[in-house]
PDB file of N, CA and C in Angstrom:
ATOM      1  N   MET A   1      91.202  13.052 115.997  1.00  0.00           N
ATOM      2  CA  MET A   1      92.183  12.702 114.949  1.00  0.00           C
ATOM      3  C   MET A   1      92.436  11.169 115.035  1.00  0.00           C
ATOM      4  N   ARG A   2      92.409  10.581 114.026  1.00  0.00           N
ATOM      5  CA  ARG A   2      92.910   8.984 114.022  1.00  0.00           C
ATOM      6  C   ARG A   2      94.316   8.844 113.882  1.00  0.00           C
ATOM      7  N   ASN A   3      94.804   7.879 114.733  1.00  0.00           N
ATOM      8  CA  ASN A   3      96.244   7.404 114.481  1.00  0.00           C
ATOM      9  C   ASN A   3      96.393   6.418 113.266  1.00  0.00           C
ATOM     10  N   PRO A   4      97.193   6.778 112.250  1.00  0.00           N
ATOM     11  CA  PRO A   4      97.261   6.029 111.096  1.00  0.00           C
ATOM     12  C   PRO A   4      97.815   4.652 111.423  1.00  0.00           C
ATOM     13  N   ARG A   5      98.629   4.516 112.355  1.00  0.00           N
ATOM     14  CA  ARG A   5      99.331   3.133 112.769  1.00  0.00           C
ATOM     15  C   ARG A   5      98.402   2.285 113.552  1.00  0.00           C
ATOM     16  N   PHE A   6      97.273   2.778 114.069  1.00  0.00           N
ATOM     17  CA  PHE A   6      96.232   1.783 114.820  1.00  0.00           C
ATOM     18  C   PHE A   6      94.990   1.800 114.133  1.00  0.00           C
ATOM     19  N   ASP A   7      94.340   0.674 113.989  1.00  0.00           N
ATOM     20  CA  ASP A   7      93.136   0.364 113.451  1.00  0.00           C
ATOM     21  C   ASP A   7      92.276  -0.077 114.778  1.00  0.00           C
ATOM     22  N   GLY A   8      91.385   0.652 115.099  1.00  0.00           N
ATOM     23  CA  GLY A   8      90.576   0.699 116.279  1.00  0.00           C
ATOM     24  C   GLY A   8      90.015  -0.763 116.575  1.00  0.00           C
ATOM     25  N   ARG A   9      89.486  -1.397 115.511  1.00  0.00           N
ATOM     26  CA  ARG A   9      88.920  -2.770 115.812  1.00  0.00           C
ATOM     27  C   ARG A   9      89.885  -3.887 115.817  1.00  0.00           C
ATOM     28  N   ARG A  10      91.068  -3.762 114.847  1.00  0.00           N
ATOM     29  CA  ARG A  10      91.960  -4.999 114.939  1.00  0.00           C
ATOM     30  C   ARG A  10      93.211  -4.892 115.421  1.00  0.00           C
ATOM     31  N   GLY A  11      93.452  -3.843 116.246  1.00  0.00           N
ATOM     32  CA  GLY A  11      94.972  -3.515 116.794  1.00  0.00           C
ATOM     33  C   GLY A  11      95.824  -2.687 115.960  1.00  0.00           C
ATOM     34  N   ARG A  12      97.019  -3.214 115.921  1.00  0.00           N
ATOM     35  CA  ARG A  12      98.028  -2.323 115.059  1.00  0.00           C
ATOM     36  C   ARG A  12      98.025  -2.549 113.597  1.00  0.00           C
ATOM     37  N   ARG A  13      98.251  -1.646 112.749  1.00  0.00           N
ATOM     38  CA  ARG A  13      98.281  -1.745 111.328  1.00  0.00           C
ATOM     39  C   ARG A  13      99.626  -2.561 110.826  1.00  0.00           C
ATOM     40  N   ARG A  14      99.252  -3.449 109.831  1.00  0.00           N
ATOM     41  CA  ARG A  14     100.503  -4.111 109.326  1.00  0.00           C
ATOM     42  C   ARG A  14     101.559  -3.356 108.683  1.00  0.00           C
ATOM     43  N   LYS A  15     102.826  -3.531 108.983  1.00  0.00           N
ATOM     44  CA  LYS A  15     103.888  -2.752 108.374  1.00  0.00           C
ATOM     45  C   LYS A  15     104.052  -3.410 106.877  1.00  0.00           C
ATOM     46  N   VAL A  16     104.441  -2.426 105.997  1.00  0.00           N
ATOM     47  CA  VAL A  16     104.741  -2.997 104.468  1.00  0.00           C
ATOM     48  C   VAL A  16     106.102  -3.008 104.298  1.00  0.00           C
ATOM     49  N   ASP A  17     106.579  -3.908 103.499  1.00  0.00           N
ATOM     50  CA  ASP A  17     107.938  -3.906 103.094  1.00  0.00           C
ATOM     51  C   ASP A  17     108.049  -2.886 101.933  1.00  0.00           C
ATOM     52  N   ARG A  18     108.873  -1.927 102.108  1.00  0.00           N
ATOM     53  CA  ARG A  18     108.795  -0.895 101.150  1.00  0.00           C
ATOM     54  C   ARG A  18     109.522  -1.405  99.685  1.00  0.00           C
ATOM     55  N   PHE A  19     110.459  -2.272  99.904  1.00  0.00           N
ATOM     56  CA  PHE A  19     110.982  -2.871  98.711  1.00  0.00           C
ATOM     57  C   PHE A  19     110.128  -3.740  97.853  1.00  0.00           C
ATOM     58  N   LEU A  20     109.299  -4.488  98.482  1.00  0.00           N
ATOM     59  CA  LEU A  20     108.193  -5.118  97.878  1.00  0.00           C
ATOM     60  C   LEU A  20     107.094  -4.318  97.198  1.00  0.00           C
ATOM     61  N   ALA A  21     106.607  -3.250  97.895  1.00  0.00           N
ATOM     62  CA  ALA A  21     105.762  -2.354  97.465  1.00  0.00           C
ATOM     63  C   ALA A  21     106.223  -1.530  96.317  1.00  0.00           C
ATOM     64  N   ASP A  22     107.362  -0.995  96.180  1.00  0.00           N
ATOM     65  CA  ASP A  22     108.042  -0.228  95.112  1.00  0.00           C
ATOM     66  C   ASP A  22     109.103  -0.944  94.309  1.00  0.00           C
ATOM     67  N   LYS A  23     108.941  -1.531  93.336  1.00  0.00           N
ATOM     68  CA  LYS A  23     109.803  -2.295  92.783  1.00  0.00           C
ATOM     69  C   LYS A  23     111.049  -1.449  92.176  1.00  0.00           C
ATOM     70  N   SER A  24     110.990  -0.089  92.028  1.00  0.00           N
ATOM     71  CA  SER A  24     111.925   0.627  91.532  1.00  0.00           C
ATOM     72  C   SER A  24     113.044   0.790  92.665  1.00  0.00           C
ATOM     73  N   LEU A  25     112.721   0.625  93.835  1.00  0.00           N
ATOM     74  CA  LEU A  25     113.826   0.578  95.004  1.00  0.00           C
ATOM     75  C   LEU A  25     114.509  -0.635  95.027  1.00  0.00           C
ATOM     76  N   VAL A  26     115.858  -0.448  95.115  1.00  0.00           N
ATOM     77  CA  VAL A  26     116.838  -1.391  95.056  1.00  0.00           C
ATOM     78  C   VAL A  26     117.750  -1.374  96.266  1.00  0.00           C
ATOM     79  N   ILE A  27     118.072  -2.508  96.880  1.00  0.00           N
ATOM     80  CA  ILE A  27     119.089  -2.586  98.027  1.00  0.00           C
ATOM     81  C   ILE A  27     120.353  -2.382  97.457  1.00  0.00           C
ATOM     82  N   ASP A  28     121.185  -1.498  97.703  1.00  0.00           N
ATOM     83  CA  ASP A  28     122.438  -1.481  97.162  1.00  0.00           C
ATOM     84  C   ASP A  28     123.366  -0.739  98.247  1.00  0.00           C
ATOM     85  N   TYR A  29     124.587  -1.233  98.638  1.00  0.00           N
ATOM     86  CA  TYR A  29     125.260  -0.656  99.654  1.00  0.00           C
ATOM     87  C   TYR A  29     125.976   0.566  99.269  1.00  0.00           C
ATOM     88  N   LYS A  30     125.887   1.008  97.999  1.00  0.00           N
ATOM     89  CA  LYS A  30     126.434   2.300  97.512  1.00  0.00           C
ATOM     90  C   LYS A  30     125.606   3.317  97.674  1.00  0.00           C
ATOM     91  N   ASP A  31     124.315   3.091  98.171  1.00  0.00           N
ATOM     92  CA  ASP A  31     123.349   4.212  98.305  1.00  0.00           C
ATOM     93  C   ASP A  31     122.828   4.305  99.785  1.00  0.00           C
ATOM     94  N   PRO A  32     123.595   5.067 100.538  1.00  0.00           N
ATOM     95  CA  PRO A  32     123.510   5.262 101.870  1.00  0.00           C
ATOM     96  C   PRO A  32     122.261   6.066 102.207  1.00  0.00           C
ATOM     97  N   SER A  33     121.526   6.878 101.382  1.00  0.00           N
ATOM     98  CA  SER A  33     120.460   7.633 101.474  1.00  0.00           C
ATOM     99  C   SER A  33     119.126   6.526 101.823  1.00  0.00           C
ATOM    100  N   ILE A  34     119.158   5.483 101.245  1.00  0.00           N
ATOM    101  CA  ILE A  34     118.108   4.352 101.535  1.00  0.00           C
ATOM    102  C   ILE A  34     118.511   3.723 102.739  1.00  0.00           C
ATOM    103  N   LEU A  35     119.748   3.451 103.097  1.00  0.00           N
ATOM    104  CA  LEU A  35     120.283   2.558 104.170  1.00  0.00           C
ATOM    105  C   LEU A  35     120.247   3.229 105.396  1.00  0.00           C
ATOM    106  N   LYS A  36     120.188   4.614 105.291  1.00  0.00           N
ATOM    107  CA  LYS A  36     120.141   5.242 106.800  1.00  0.00           C
ATOM    108  C   LYS A  36     118.677   5.202 107.489  1.00  0.00           C
ATOM    109  N   TYR A  37     117.682   4.777 106.705  1.00  0.00           N
ATOM    110  CA  TYR A  37     116.339   4.539 107.243  1.00  0.00           C
ATOM    111  C   TYR A  37     116.439   3.440 108.266  1.00  0.00           C
ATOM    112  N   PHE A  38     117.390   2.428 107.908  1.00  0.00           N
ATOM    113  CA  PHE A  38     117.350   1.099 108.681  1.00  0.00           C
ATOM    114  C   PHE A  38     118.606   1.086 109.705  1.00  0.00           C
ATOM    115  N   ILE A  39     119.050   2.456 110.176  1.00  0.00           N
ATOM    116  CA  ILE A  39     120.050   2.365 111.130  1.00  0.00           C
ATOM    117  C   ILE A  39     119.689   3.531 112.170  1.00  0.00           C
ATOM    118  N   THR A  40     119.736   3.147 113.531  1.00  0.00           N
ATOM    119  CA  THR A  40     119.328   4.114 114.684  1.00  0.00           C
ATOM    120  C   THR A  40     120.413   5.103 114.693  1.00  0.00           C
ATOM    121  N   GLY A  41     120.091   6.294 115.548  1.00  0.00           N
ATOM    122  CA  GLY A  41     120.892   7.300 115.759  1.00  0.00           C
ATOM    123  C   GLY A  41     122.325   6.784 116.306  1.00  0.00           C
ATOM    124  N   ARG A  42     122.304   5.756 116.938  1.00  0.00           N
ATOM    125  CA  ARG A  42     123.645   5.248 117.594  1.00  0.00           C
ATOM    126  C   ARG A  42     124.373   4.310 116.582  1.00  0.00           C
ATOM    127  N   GLY A  43     123.868   4.021 115.416  1.00  0.00           N
ATOM    128  CA  GLY A  43     124.609   3.099 114.416  1.00  0.00           C
ATOM    129  C   GLY A  43     124.031   1.889 114.479  1.00  0.00           C
ATOM    130  N   LYS A  44     123.091   1.451 115.161  1.00  0.00           N
ATOM    131  CA  LYS A  44     122.592   0.004 115.162  1.00  0.00           C
ATOM    132  C   LYS A  44     121.746  -0.370 114.102  1.00  0.00           C
ATOM    133  N   ILE A  45     121.632  -1.596 113.507  1.00  0.00           N
ATOM    134  CA  ILE A  45     120.678  -1.887 112.568  1.00  0.00           C
ATOM    135  C   ILE A  45     119.410  -2.156 113.218  1.00  0.00           C
ATOM    136  N   VAL A  46     118.265  -1.575 112.636  1.00  0.00           N
ATOM    137  CA  VAL A  46     117.020  -1.688 113.072  1.00  0.00           C
ATOM    138  C   VAL A  46     116.445  -2.992 112.825  1.00  0.00           C
ATOM    139  N   PRO A  47     115.842  -3.773 113.836  1.00  0.00           N
ATOM    140  CA  PRO A  47     115.259  -4.967 113.754  1.00  0.00           C
ATOM    141  C   PRO A  47     114.079  -5.132 112.770  1.00  0.00           C
ATOM    142  N   ARG A  48     113.926  -6.369 112.343  1.00  0.00           N
ATOM    143  CA  ARG A  48     112.862  -6.512 111.452  1.00  0.00           C
ATOM    144  C   ARG A  48     111.435  -6.070 111.931  1.00  0.00           C
ATOM    145  N   ARG A  49     111.188  -6.410 113.123  1.00  0.00           N
ATOM    146  CA  ARG A  49     109.977  -6.060 113.812  1.00  0.00           C
ATOM    147  C   ARG A  49     109.636  -4.578 113.657  1.00  0.00           C
ATOM    148  N   VAL A  50     110.767  -3.625 113.813  1.00  0.00           N
ATOM    149  CA  VAL A  50     110.461  -2.205 113.612  1.00  0.00           C
ATOM    150  C   VAL A  50     110.451  -1.763 112.264  1.00  0.00           C
ATOM    151  N   SER A  51     111.438  -2.359 111.293  1.00  0.00           N
ATOM    152  CA  SER A  51     111.604  -1.933 110.019  1.00  0.00           C
ATOM    153  C   SER A  51     110.402  -2.339 109.258  1.00  0.00           C
ATOM    154  N   GLY A  52     109.839  -3.406 109.528  1.00  0.00           N
ATOM    155  CA  GLY A  52     108.727  -3.891 108.789  1.00  0.00           C
ATOM    156  C   GLY A  52     109.121  -4.723 107.555  1.00  0.00           C
ATOM    157  N   LEU A  53     110.253  -5.116 107.176  1.00  0.00           N
ATOM    158  CA  LEU A  53     110.881  -5.742 106.101  1.00  0.00           C
ATOM    159  C   LEU A  53     110.603  -7.288 106.321  1.00  0.00           C
ATOM    160  N   CYS A  54     110.536  -7.928 105.027  1.00  0.00           N
ATOM    161  CA  CYS A  54     110.449  -9.368 105.138  1.00  0.00           C
ATOM    162  C   CYS A  54     111.681  -9.819 105.328  1.00  0.00           C
ATOM    163  N   ALA A  55     111.811 -11.160 105.768  1.00  0.00           N
ATOM    164  CA  ALA A  55     113.099 -11.791 106.263  1.00  0.00           C
ATOM    165  C   ALA A  55     114.224 -11.720 105.152  1.00  0.00           C
ATOM    166  N   LYS A  56     113.945 -12.030 103.911  1.00  0.00           N
ATOM    167  CA  LYS A  56     114.768 -11.949 102.830  1.00  0.00           C
ATOM    168  C   LYS A  56     115.378 -10.507 102.556  1.00  0.00           C
ATOM    169  N   ASN A  57     114.503  -9.486 102.710  1.00  0.00           N
ATOM    170  CA  ASN A  57     115.062  -8.233 102.485  1.00  0.00           C
ATOM    171  C   ASN A  57     115.702  -7.600 103.633  1.00  0.00           C
ATOM    172  N   GLN A  58     115.378  -8.082 104.961  1.00  0.00           N
ATOM    173  CA  GLN A  58     116.121  -7.615 106.096  1.00  0.00           C
ATOM    174  C   GLN A  58     117.559  -8.322 106.088  1.00  0.00           C
ATOM    175  N   ARG A  59     117.751  -9.478 105.631  1.00  0.00           N
ATOM    176  CA  ARG A  59     119.145  -9.992 105.355  1.00  0.00           C
ATOM    177  C   ARG A  59     119.901  -9.165 104.442  1.00  0.00           C
ATOM    178  N   LYS A  60     119.260  -8.735 103.161  1.00  0.00           N
ATOM    179  CA  LYS A  60     120.014  -8.049 102.235  1.00  0.00           C
ATOM    180  C   LYS A  60     120.379  -6.591 102.756  1.00  0.00           C
ATOM    181  N   ILE A  61     119.495  -5.878 103.521  1.00  0.00           N
ATOM    182  CA  ILE A  61     119.711  -4.720 104.173  1.00  0.00           C
ATOM    183  C   ILE A  61     120.926  -4.828 105.138  1.00  0.00           C
ATOM    184  N   THR A  62     120.827  -5.642 105.909  1.00  0.00           N
ATOM    185  CA  THR A  62     122.031  -6.077 106.863  1.00  0.00           C
ATOM    186  C   THR A  62     123.274  -6.300 106.153  1.00  0.00           C
ATOM    187  N   THR A  63     123.461  -6.980 105.036  1.00  0.00           N
ATOM    188  CA  THR A  63     124.527  -7.228 104.398  1.00  0.00           C
ATOM    189  C   THR A  63     125.090  -5.845 103.684  1.00  0.00           C
ATOM    190  N   ALA A  64     124.112  -5.219 103.206  1.00  0.00           N
ATOM    191  CA  ALA A  64     124.400  -3.805 102.354  1.00  0.00           C
ATOM    192  C   ALA A  64     124.886  -2.721 103.562  1.00  0.00           C
ATOM    193  N   ILE A  65     124.283  -2.731 104.697  1.00  0.00           N
ATOM    194  CA  ILE A  65     124.830  -1.807 105.824  1.00  0.00           C
ATOM    195  C   ILE A  65     126.235  -2.153 106.068  1.00  0.00           C
ATOM    196  N   LYS A  66     126.533  -3.502 106.316  1.00  0.00           N
ATOM    197  CA  LYS A  66     127.903  -3.956 106.762  1.00  0.00           C
ATOM    198  C   LYS A  66     128.807  -3.627 105.699  1.00  0.00           C
ATOM    199  N   ARG A  67     128.607  -3.643 104.288  1.00  0.00           N
ATOM    200  CA  ARG A  67     129.308  -3.577 103.355  1.00  0.00           C
ATOM    201  C   ARG A  67     129.594  -2.102 103.184  1.00  0.00           C
ATOM    202  N   ALA A  68     128.574  -1.151 103.344  1.00  0.00           N
ATOM    203  CA  ALA A  68     128.801   0.262 103.408  1.00  0.00           C
ATOM    204  C   ALA A  68     129.678   0.641 104.376  1.00  0.00           C
ATOM    205  N   ARG A  69     129.573   0.121 105.600  1.00  0.00           N
ATOM    206  CA  ARG A  69     130.393   0.518 106.842  1.00  0.00           C
ATOM    207  C   ARG A  69     131.844   0.211 106.441  1.00  0.00           C
ATOM    208  N   MET A  70     132.222  -0.902 105.633  1.00  0.00           N
ATOM    209  CA  MET A  70     133.522  -1.336 105.480  1.00  0.00           C
ATOM    210  C   MET A  70     134.206  -0.431 104.302  1.00  0.00           C
ATOM    211  N   VAL A  71     133.403   0.315 103.546  1.00  0.00           N
ATOM    212  CA  VAL A  71     133.898   1.127 102.569  1.00  0.00           C
ATOM    213  C   VAL A  71     133.753   2.606 102.891  1.00  0.00           C
ATOM    214  N   ALA A  72     133.345   2.851 104.365  1.00  0.00           N
ATOM    215  CA  ALA A  72     133.430   4.211 104.859  1.00  0.00           C
ATOM    216  C   ALA A  72     132.220   5.001 104.267  1.00  0.00           C
ATOM    217  N   LEU A  73     131.107   4.462 103.791  1.00  0.00           N
ATOM    218  CA  LEU A  73     129.855   5.219 103.444  1.00  0.00           C
ATOM    219  C   LEU A  73     128.966   5.381 104.727  1.00  0.00           C
ATOM    220  N   LEU A  74     129.007   4.484 105.521  1.00  0.00           N
ATOM    221  CA  LEU A  74     128.230   4.624 106.839  1.00  0.00           C
ATOM    222  C   LEU A  74     128.957   4.405 108.080  1.00  0.00           C
ATOM    223  N   PRO A  75     128.705   5.088 109.077  1.00  0.00           N
ATOM    224  CA  PRO A  75     129.527   5.042 110.387  1.00  0.00           C
ATOM    225  C   PRO A  75     129.305   3.729 111.113  1.00  0.00           C
ATOM    226  N   PHE A  76     130.263   3.142 111.757  1.00  0.00           N
ATOM    227  CA  PHE A  76     129.939   1.892 112.701  1.00  0.00           C
ATOM    228  C   PHE A  76     129.124   2.217 113.912  1.00  0.00           C
ATOM    229  N   THR A  77     129.634   3.466 114.354  1.00  0.00           N
ATOM    230  CA  THR A  77     128.917   3.995 115.628  1.00  0.00           C
ATOM    231  C   THR A  77     129.106   5.587 115.575  1.00  0.00           C
ATOM    232  N   THR A  78     128.340   6.269 116.434  1.00  0.00           N
ATOM    233  CA  THR A  78     128.341   7.703 116.527  1.00  0.00           C
ATOM    234  C   THR A  78     129.313   8.027 117.753  1.00  0.00           C
ATOM    235  N   VAL A  79     130.026   9.113 117.426  1.00  0.00           N
ATOM    236  CA  VAL A  79     130.821   9.565 118.617  1.00  0.00           C
ATOM    237  C   VAL A  79     130.083  10.061 119.829  1.00  0.00           C
ATOM    238  N   LYS A  80     130.203   9.610 121.106  1.00  0.00           N
ATOM    239  CA  LYS A  80     129.381  10.286 122.180  1.00  0.00           C
ATOM    240  C   LYS A  80     130.533  11.100 122.905  1.00  0.00           C
ATOM    241  N   ALA A  81     130.054  12.400 123.012  1.00  0.00           N
ATOM    242  CA  ALA A  81     131.190  13.464 123.786  1.00  0.00           C
ATOM    243  C   ALA A  81     130.650  13.417 125.295  1.00  0.00           C
ATOM    244  N   HIS A  82     131.528  13.398 126.173  1.00  0.00           N
ATOM    245  CA  HIS A  82     131.266  13.418 127.488  1.00  0.00           C
ATOM    246  C   HIS A  82     131.426  14.880 128.171  1.00  0.00           C
TER     247      HIS A  82
END
């Protein structure tokens, strides 16, 4: 079975910016269901090389996540119990 992220001849497959591919998706801080894909389990913002976004959309996502955190739609961090 072939790995869809790996092209045997040329190396890794290029990531696609989902907001450029699908024009109906909008970056909005009031929509945490879209923003949660760009946050790790610990609450950190996923970097551009991992998310596959272009620089412009990564800046928009970062701003939207920070705004959503300020109005308590997203957590700043997760609570770690010892």
